[in-house]
Amino acid sequence: GYQRRVHGVATALTSHVMFFAEGHDCWQGPDRTVRVALVCGNRGLTRVTEDGKCTYRMRLETPAVCTQEALNAVEEELRAAQKGPSRRHRR
């Protein structure tokens, strides 16, 4: 695999963070590391940046870290979208 060891998962109020270290060797640099911020959503991987040589940050939207309140809001948005535009917006 890409990473040899997961160093930890930290939990904050609105997101979760995974830190992977001791990844594959980087050419003329340290072993690769990545910090993955898991946030409530459903778009998957939305951002990847390289903070320094062989040090990466990723943002991953997943419903797995959503609170029940956030999931209820998403379900309501989906129901509204399935109904289509409201009558007052139709021509």
C-alpha atoms as a PDB file:
ATOM      1  CA  GLY A   1       0.000   0.000   0.000  1.00  0.00           C
ATOM      2  CA  TYR A   2       0.811   3.655  -0.236  1.00  0.00           C
ATOM      3  CA  GLN A   3       1.217   4.235   3.488  1.00  0.00           C
ATOM      4  CA  ARG A   4       2.867   1.894   5.968  1.00  0.00           C
ATOM      5  CA  ARG A   5       1.088   3.155   9.070  1.00  0.00           C
ATOM      6  CA  VAL A   6      -1.847   5.270  10.157  1.00  0.00           C
ATOM      7  CA  HIS A   7      -0.635   7.524  12.957  1.00  0.00           C
ATOM      8  CA  GLY A   8      -3.950   8.622  14.311  1.00  0.00           C
ATOM      9  CA  VAL A   9      -7.383  10.036  13.883  1.00  0.00           C
ATOM     10  CA  ALA A  10      -8.269  13.314  15.552  1.00  0.00           C
ATOM     11  CA  THR A  11     -11.848  14.428  16.007  1.00  0.00           C
ATOM     12  CA  ALA A  12     -13.011  18.041  16.084  1.00  0.00           C
ATOM     13  CA  LEU A  13     -16.516  19.431  16.389  1.00  0.00           C
ATOM     14  CA  THR A  14     -17.151  19.685  12.648  1.00  0.00           C
ATOM     15  CA  SER A  15     -14.670  17.327  11.028  1.00  0.00           C
ATOM     16  CA  HIS A  16     -12.380  14.375  11.515  1.00  0.00           C
ATOM     17  CA  VAL A  17      -8.717  14.178  10.528  1.00  0.00           C
ATOM     18  CA  MET A  18      -6.620  11.151   9.613  1.00  0.00           C
ATOM     19  CA  PHE A  19      -2.848  11.360   9.474  1.00  0.00           C
ATOM     20  CA  PHE A  20      -0.814   8.867   7.445  1.00  0.00           C
ATOM     21  CA  ALA A  21       2.983   8.774   7.804  1.00  0.00           C
ATOM     22  CA  GLU A  22       5.962   6.707   6.753  1.00  0.00           C
ATOM     23  CA  GLY A  23       4.709   6.422   3.176  1.00  0.00           C
ATOM     24  CA  HIS A  24       6.816   5.644   0.148  1.00  0.00           C
ATOM     25  CA  ASP A  25      10.180   7.337  -0.114  1.00  0.00           C
ATOM     26  CA  CYS A  26      10.095  10.654  -1.889  1.00  0.00           C
ATOM     27  CA  TRP A  27      12.881  11.385  -4.368  1.00  0.00           C
ATOM     28  CA  GLN A  28      15.526  13.375  -2.479  1.00  0.00           C
ATOM     29  CA  GLY A  29      13.112  13.979   0.363  1.00  0.00           C
ATOM     30  CA  PRO A  30      11.383  12.497   3.377  1.00  0.00           C
ATOM     31  CA  ASP A  31       8.872   9.650   3.405  1.00  0.00           C
ATOM     32  CA  ARG A  32       5.499  10.799   2.139  1.00  0.00           C
ATOM     33  CA  THR A  33       2.862  11.927   4.651  1.00  0.00           C
ATOM     34  CA  VAL A  34      -0.755  12.931   4.165  1.00  0.00           C
ATOM     35  CA  ARG A  35      -3.360  14.607   6.353  1.00  0.00           C
ATOM     36  CA  VAL A  36      -6.940  13.820   5.310  1.00  0.00           C
ATOM     37  CA  ALA A  37      -9.719  16.055   6.611  1.00  0.00           C
ATOM     38  CA  LEU A  38     -13.056  14.215   6.545  1.00  0.00           C
ATOM     39  CA  VAL A  39     -16.004  16.601   6.362  1.00  0.00           C
ATOM     40  CA  CYS A  40     -19.732  16.146   6.087  1.00  0.00           C
ATOM     41  CA  GLY A  41     -20.834  15.957   2.452  1.00  0.00           C
ATOM     42  CA  ASN A  42     -21.079  13.573  -0.463  1.00  0.00           C
ATOM     43  CA  ARG A  43     -18.744  14.886  -3.180  1.00  0.00           C
ATOM     44  CA  GLY A  44     -15.788  12.635  -2.324  1.00  0.00           C
ATOM     45  CA  LEU A  45     -12.253  13.956  -2.707  1.00  0.00           C
ATOM     46  CA  THR A  46     -12.570  17.714  -3.245  1.00  0.00           C
ATOM     47  CA  ARG A  47      -9.062  19.039  -2.667  1.00  0.00           C
ATOM     48  CA  VAL A  48      -5.449  17.863  -2.719  1.00  0.00           C
ATOM     49  CA  THR A  49      -2.549  20.179  -1.952  1.00  0.00           C
ATOM     50  CA  GLU A  50       1.150  19.705  -1.358  1.00  0.00           C
ATOM     51  CA  ASP A  51       2.126  21.741   1.708  1.00  0.00           C
ATOM     52  CA  GLY A  52       5.791  20.910   1.467  1.00  0.00           C
ATOM     53  CA  LYS A  53       7.985  18.396  -0.230  1.00  0.00           C
ATOM     54  CA  CYS A  54       6.143  15.056  -0.044  1.00  0.00           C
ATOM     55  CA  THR A  55       3.663  16.410   2.524  1.00  0.00           C
ATOM     56  CA  TYR A  56       0.071  16.414   1.307  1.00  0.00           C
ATOM     57  CA  ARG A  57      -3.328  17.569   2.541  1.00  0.00           C
ATOM     58  CA  MET A  58      -6.612  16.217   1.277  1.00  0.00           C
ATOM     59  CA  ARG A  59     -10.243  17.136   1.863  1.00  0.00           C
ATOM     60  CA  LEU A  60     -12.725  14.290   1.597  1.00  0.00           C
ATOM     61  CA  GLU A  61     -16.467  14.847   1.837  1.00  0.00           C
ATOM     62  CA  THR A  62     -18.308  11.809   3.193  1.00  0.00           C
ATOM     63  CA  PRO A  63     -21.691  11.241   4.829  1.00  0.00           C
ATOM     64  CA  ALA A  64     -19.921   8.954   7.317  1.00  0.00           C
ATOM     65  CA  VAL A  65     -18.971  11.950   9.478  1.00  0.00           C
ATOM     66  CA  CYS A  66     -22.252  13.845   9.241  1.00  0.00           C
ATOM     67  CA  THR A  67     -24.333  14.486  12.324  1.00  0.00           C
ATOM     68  CA  GLN A  68     -27.949  13.340  12.234  1.00  0.00           C
ATOM     69  CA  GLU A  69     -29.020  16.981  11.956  1.00  0.00           C
ATOM     70  CA  ALA A  70     -26.825  17.487   8.874  1.00  0.00           C
ATOM     71  CA  LEU A  71     -28.102  14.260   7.307  1.00  0.00           C
ATOM     72  CA  ASN A  72     -31.699  15.396   7.851  1.00  0.00           C
ATOM     73  CA  ALA A  73     -30.933  18.694   6.089  1.00  0.00           C
ATOM     74  CA  VAL A  74     -29.345  16.876   3.126  1.00  0.00           C
ATOM     75  CA  GLU A  75     -32.331  14.512   2.864  1.00  0.00           C
ATOM     76  CA  GLU A  76     -34.693  17.505   2.838  1.00  0.00           C
ATOM     77  CA  GLU A  77     -32.673  19.154   0.042  1.00  0.00           C
ATOM     78  CA  LEU A  78     -32.786  15.919  -1.976  1.00  0.00           C
ATOM     79  CA  ARG A  79     -36.564  15.619  -1.542  1.00  0.00           C
ATOM     80  CA  ALA A  80     -37.016  19.234  -2.665  1.00  0.00           C
ATOM     81  CA  ALA A  81     -34.768  18.678  -5.696  1.00  0.00           C
ATOM     82  CA  GLN A  82     -36.701  15.544  -6.708  1.00  0.00           C
ATOM     83  CA  LYS A  83     -39.967  17.482  -6.693  1.00  0.00           C
ATOM     84  CA  GLY A  84     -38.495  19.876  -9.244  1.00  0.00           C
ATOM     85  CA  PRO A  85     -38.852  23.651  -9.348  1.00  0.00           C
ATOM     86  CA  SER A  86     -41.724  25.113  -7.378  1.00  0.00           C
ATOM     87  CA  ARG A  87     -44.805  26.239  -9.306  1.00  0.00           C
ATOM     88  CA  ARG A  88     -44.025  29.896  -8.758  1.00  0.00           C
ATOM     89  CA  HIS A  89     -40.763  29.505 -10.697  1.00  0.00           C
ATOM     90  CA  ARG A  90     -42.307  27.680 -13.669  1.00  0.00           C
ATOM     91  CA  ARG A  91     -43.265  29.609 -16.794  1.00  0.00           C
END
